[in-house]
Amino acid sequence: MHREGKRGKPRNHQASREPRPEYIAAVRHLDGRSEIFYIRYADDLDDARELVMAEVGKVQSVVIAQRH
């Protein structure tokens, strides 16, 4: 027995999907060194911060902003 399902219109996933935001982070280490990180796969600002902190560990300061 053949079952027919509801037919929907084909979707163009790439056209309807918004690009993910990119973030940039400036990190100051405890020894005075500084680094810049580019974060491409974060869902939001909090996720970007977690990714940076997981990468660098304990730091003096972190500044994160969304890239435009």
N, C-alpha and C. Protein backbone atom coordinates (compact mmCIF):
# COMPACT_ATOMS: atom_id res chain seq x y z
N MET A 1 0.85 -1.18 0.00
CA MET A 1 0.00 0.00 0.00
C MET A 1 0.89 1.23 0.00
N HIS A 2 0.58 2.15 -0.86
CA HIS A 2 1.36 3.37 -1.01
C HIS A 2 0.64 4.51 -0.29
N ARG A 3 1.39 5.19 0.58
CA ARG A 3 0.81 6.29 1.34
C ARG A 3 1.28 7.62 0.76
N GLU A 4 0.34 8.51 0.51
CA GLU A 4 0.70 9.82 0.00
C GLU A 4 0.71 10.82 1.14
N GLY A 5 1.76 11.60 1.20
CA GLY A 5 1.85 12.62 2.24
C GLY A 5 1.46 13.98 1.70
N LYS A 6 1.37 14.91 2.57
CA LYS A 6 1.05 16.27 2.18
C LYS A 6 2.25 16.86 1.43
N ARG A 7 1.98 17.42 0.31
CA ARG A 7 3.06 18.00 -0.49
C ARG A 7 3.14 19.49 -0.23
N GLY A 8 4.29 19.91 0.19
CA GLY A 8 4.50 21.34 0.41
C GLY A 8 5.34 21.91 -0.71
N LYS A 9 5.41 23.20 -0.74
CA LYS A 9 6.23 23.81 -1.76
C LYS A 9 7.70 23.66 -1.38
N PRO A 10 8.57 23.52 -2.34
CA PRO A 10 9.99 23.37 -2.03
C PRO A 10 10.52 24.63 -1.39
N ARG A 11 11.40 24.46 -0.42
CA ARG A 11 11.94 25.60 0.32
C ARG A 11 13.37 25.85 -0.09
N ASN A 12 13.69 27.08 -0.17
CA ASN A 12 15.06 27.48 -0.43
C ASN A 12 15.67 27.86 0.92
N HIS A 13 16.34 26.91 1.57
CA HIS A 13 16.84 27.12 2.92
C HIS A 13 17.90 28.21 3.00
N GLN A 14 18.75 28.31 2.02
CA GLN A 14 19.81 29.31 2.07
C GLN A 14 19.27 30.72 1.91
N ALA A 15 18.27 30.90 1.12
CA ALA A 15 17.74 32.24 0.90
C ALA A 15 16.97 32.74 2.11
N SER A 16 16.30 31.85 2.83
CA SER A 16 15.50 32.29 3.95
C SER A 16 16.29 32.35 5.26
N ARG A 17 17.49 31.81 5.26
CA ARG A 17 18.29 31.78 6.47
C ARG A 17 19.15 33.03 6.59
N GLU A 18 19.10 33.67 7.74
CA GLU A 18 19.94 34.84 7.96
C GLU A 18 21.35 34.39 8.28
N PRO A 19 22.33 35.15 7.86
CA PRO A 19 23.71 34.77 8.20
C PRO A 19 23.94 34.89 9.70
N ARG A 20 24.75 33.98 10.23
CA ARG A 20 25.05 34.04 11.66
C ARG A 20 25.93 35.24 11.95
N PRO A 21 25.73 35.87 13.08
CA PRO A 21 26.58 37.01 13.41
C PRO A 21 28.01 36.55 13.71
N GLU A 22 28.95 37.42 13.43
CA GLU A 22 30.35 37.17 13.77
C GLU A 22 30.74 38.11 14.89
N TYR A 23 31.64 37.66 15.73
CA TYR A 23 32.07 38.46 16.86
C TYR A 23 33.59 38.60 16.85
N ILE A 24 34.07 39.65 17.51
CA ILE A 24 35.50 39.86 17.69
C ILE A 24 35.73 40.05 19.18
N ALA A 25 36.81 39.45 19.69
CA ALA A 25 37.11 39.54 21.11
C ALA A 25 38.55 39.99 21.31
N ALA A 26 38.73 40.96 22.19
CA ALA A 26 40.06 41.40 22.60
C ALA A 26 40.29 40.85 24.01
N VAL A 27 41.39 40.12 24.17
CA VAL A 27 41.68 39.46 25.45
C VAL A 27 42.98 40.00 26.02
N ARG A 28 42.97 40.37 27.30
CA ARG A 28 44.20 40.76 28.01
C ARG A 28 44.50 39.66 29.02
N HIS A 29 45.66 39.03 28.85
CA HIS A 29 46.07 37.95 29.73
C HIS A 29 46.63 38.49 31.04
N LEU A 30 46.76 37.64 32.02
CA LEU A 30 47.26 38.05 33.33
C LEU A 30 48.71 38.54 33.27
N ASP A 31 49.48 38.06 32.32
CA ASP A 31 50.89 38.47 32.20
C ASP A 31 51.06 39.73 31.34
N GLY A 32 49.96 40.35 30.90
CA GLY A 32 50.02 41.59 30.13
C GLY A 32 49.91 41.41 28.63
N ARG A 33 50.04 40.19 28.13
CA ARG A 33 49.88 39.95 26.69
C ARG A 33 48.44 40.20 26.27
N SER A 34 48.25 40.50 25.00
CA SER A 34 46.89 40.65 24.49
C SER A 34 46.75 39.89 23.17
N GLU A 35 45.53 39.48 22.89
CA GLU A 35 45.22 38.73 21.67
C GLU A 35 43.86 39.17 21.14
N ILE A 36 43.69 38.99 19.84
CA ILE A 36 42.40 39.24 19.18
C ILE A 36 41.88 37.90 18.68
N PHE A 37 40.60 37.63 18.92
CA PHE A 37 39.96 36.41 18.45
C PHE A 37 38.76 36.78 17.58
N TYR A 38 38.57 36.02 16.51
CA TYR A 38 37.39 36.16 15.67
C TYR A 38 36.52 34.94 15.88
N ILE A 39 35.28 35.16 16.27
CA ILE A 39 34.36 34.06 16.59
C ILE A 39 33.27 34.03 15.52
N ARG A 40 33.20 32.91 14.78
CA ARG A 40 32.25 32.81 13.68
C ARG A 40 31.03 31.94 14.00
N TYR A 41 31.15 31.03 14.92
CA TYR A 41 30.08 30.04 15.10
C TYR A 41 29.37 30.18 16.43
N ALA A 42 29.24 31.38 16.94
CA ALA A 42 28.52 31.61 18.19
C ALA A 42 27.07 31.97 17.88
N ASP A 43 26.17 31.54 18.75
CA ASP A 43 24.75 31.84 18.57
C ASP A 43 24.42 33.26 19.00
N ASP A 44 25.09 33.74 20.04
CA ASP A 44 24.85 35.08 20.55
C ASP A 44 26.09 35.56 21.31
N LEU A 45 26.02 36.72 21.93
CA LEU A 45 27.16 37.31 22.62
C LEU A 45 27.62 36.44 23.80
N ASP A 46 26.67 35.90 24.55
CA ASP A 46 27.03 35.03 25.68
C ASP A 46 27.74 33.76 25.21
N ASP A 47 27.29 33.20 24.11
CA ASP A 47 27.93 32.01 23.55
C ASP A 47 29.34 32.34 23.07
N ALA A 48 29.51 33.52 22.47
CA ALA A 48 30.84 33.94 22.02
C ALA A 48 31.78 34.07 23.21
N ARG A 49 31.30 34.63 24.30
CA ARG A 49 32.12 34.77 25.51
C ARG A 49 32.53 33.40 26.05
N GLU A 50 31.59 32.47 26.09
CA GLU A 50 31.91 31.12 26.58
C GLU A 50 32.97 30.45 25.71
N LEU A 51 32.86 30.63 24.39
CA LEU A 51 33.85 30.04 23.49
C LEU A 51 35.24 30.63 23.72
N VAL A 52 35.31 31.93 23.90
CA VAL A 52 36.61 32.57 24.15
C VAL A 52 37.18 32.11 25.49
N MET A 53 36.37 32.10 26.51
CA MET A 53 36.85 31.72 27.84
C MET A 53 37.29 30.26 27.86
N ALA A 54 36.63 29.41 27.11
CA ALA A 54 37.04 28.00 27.04
C ALA A 54 38.39 27.87 26.34
N GLU A 55 38.68 28.77 25.42
CA GLU A 55 39.93 28.73 24.68
C GLU A 55 41.11 29.27 25.49
N VAL A 56 40.90 30.36 26.20
CA VAL A 56 42.03 31.05 26.84
C VAL A 56 42.14 30.80 28.34
N GLY A 57 41.08 30.41 29.00
CA GLY A 57 41.15 30.18 30.45
C GLY A 57 41.04 31.48 31.23
N LYS A 58 41.85 31.60 32.27
CA LYS A 58 41.77 32.76 33.16
C LYS A 58 42.48 33.95 32.52
N VAL A 59 41.78 35.09 32.47
CA VAL A 59 42.33 36.30 31.86
C VAL A 59 42.04 37.51 32.73
N GLN A 60 42.73 38.60 32.43
CA GLN A 60 42.50 39.84 33.16
C GLN A 60 41.23 40.51 32.68
N SER A 61 41.05 40.58 31.35
CA SER A 61 39.84 41.21 30.82
C SER A 61 39.52 40.66 29.43
N VAL A 62 38.24 40.77 29.07
CA VAL A 62 37.76 40.36 27.75
C VAL A 62 36.74 41.40 27.29
N VAL A 63 36.89 41.84 26.04
CA VAL A 63 35.92 42.72 25.43
C VAL A 63 35.46 42.04 24.14
N ILE A 64 34.14 41.88 24.00
CA ILE A 64 33.57 41.20 22.82
C ILE A 64 32.56 42.11 22.17
N ALA A 65 32.61 42.18 20.85
CA ALA A 65 31.64 42.99 20.10
C ALA A 65 31.23 42.23 18.84
N GLN A 66 30.03 42.55 18.36
CA GLN A 66 29.58 41.94 17.10
C GLN A 66 30.23 42.68 15.95
N ARG A 67 30.71 41.91 14.98
CA ARG A 67 31.30 42.51 13.77
C ARG A 67 30.21 42.86 12.79
N HIS A 68 30.41 43.93 12.03
CA HIS A 68 29.43 44.34 11.02
C HIS A 68 30.01 44.22 9.66
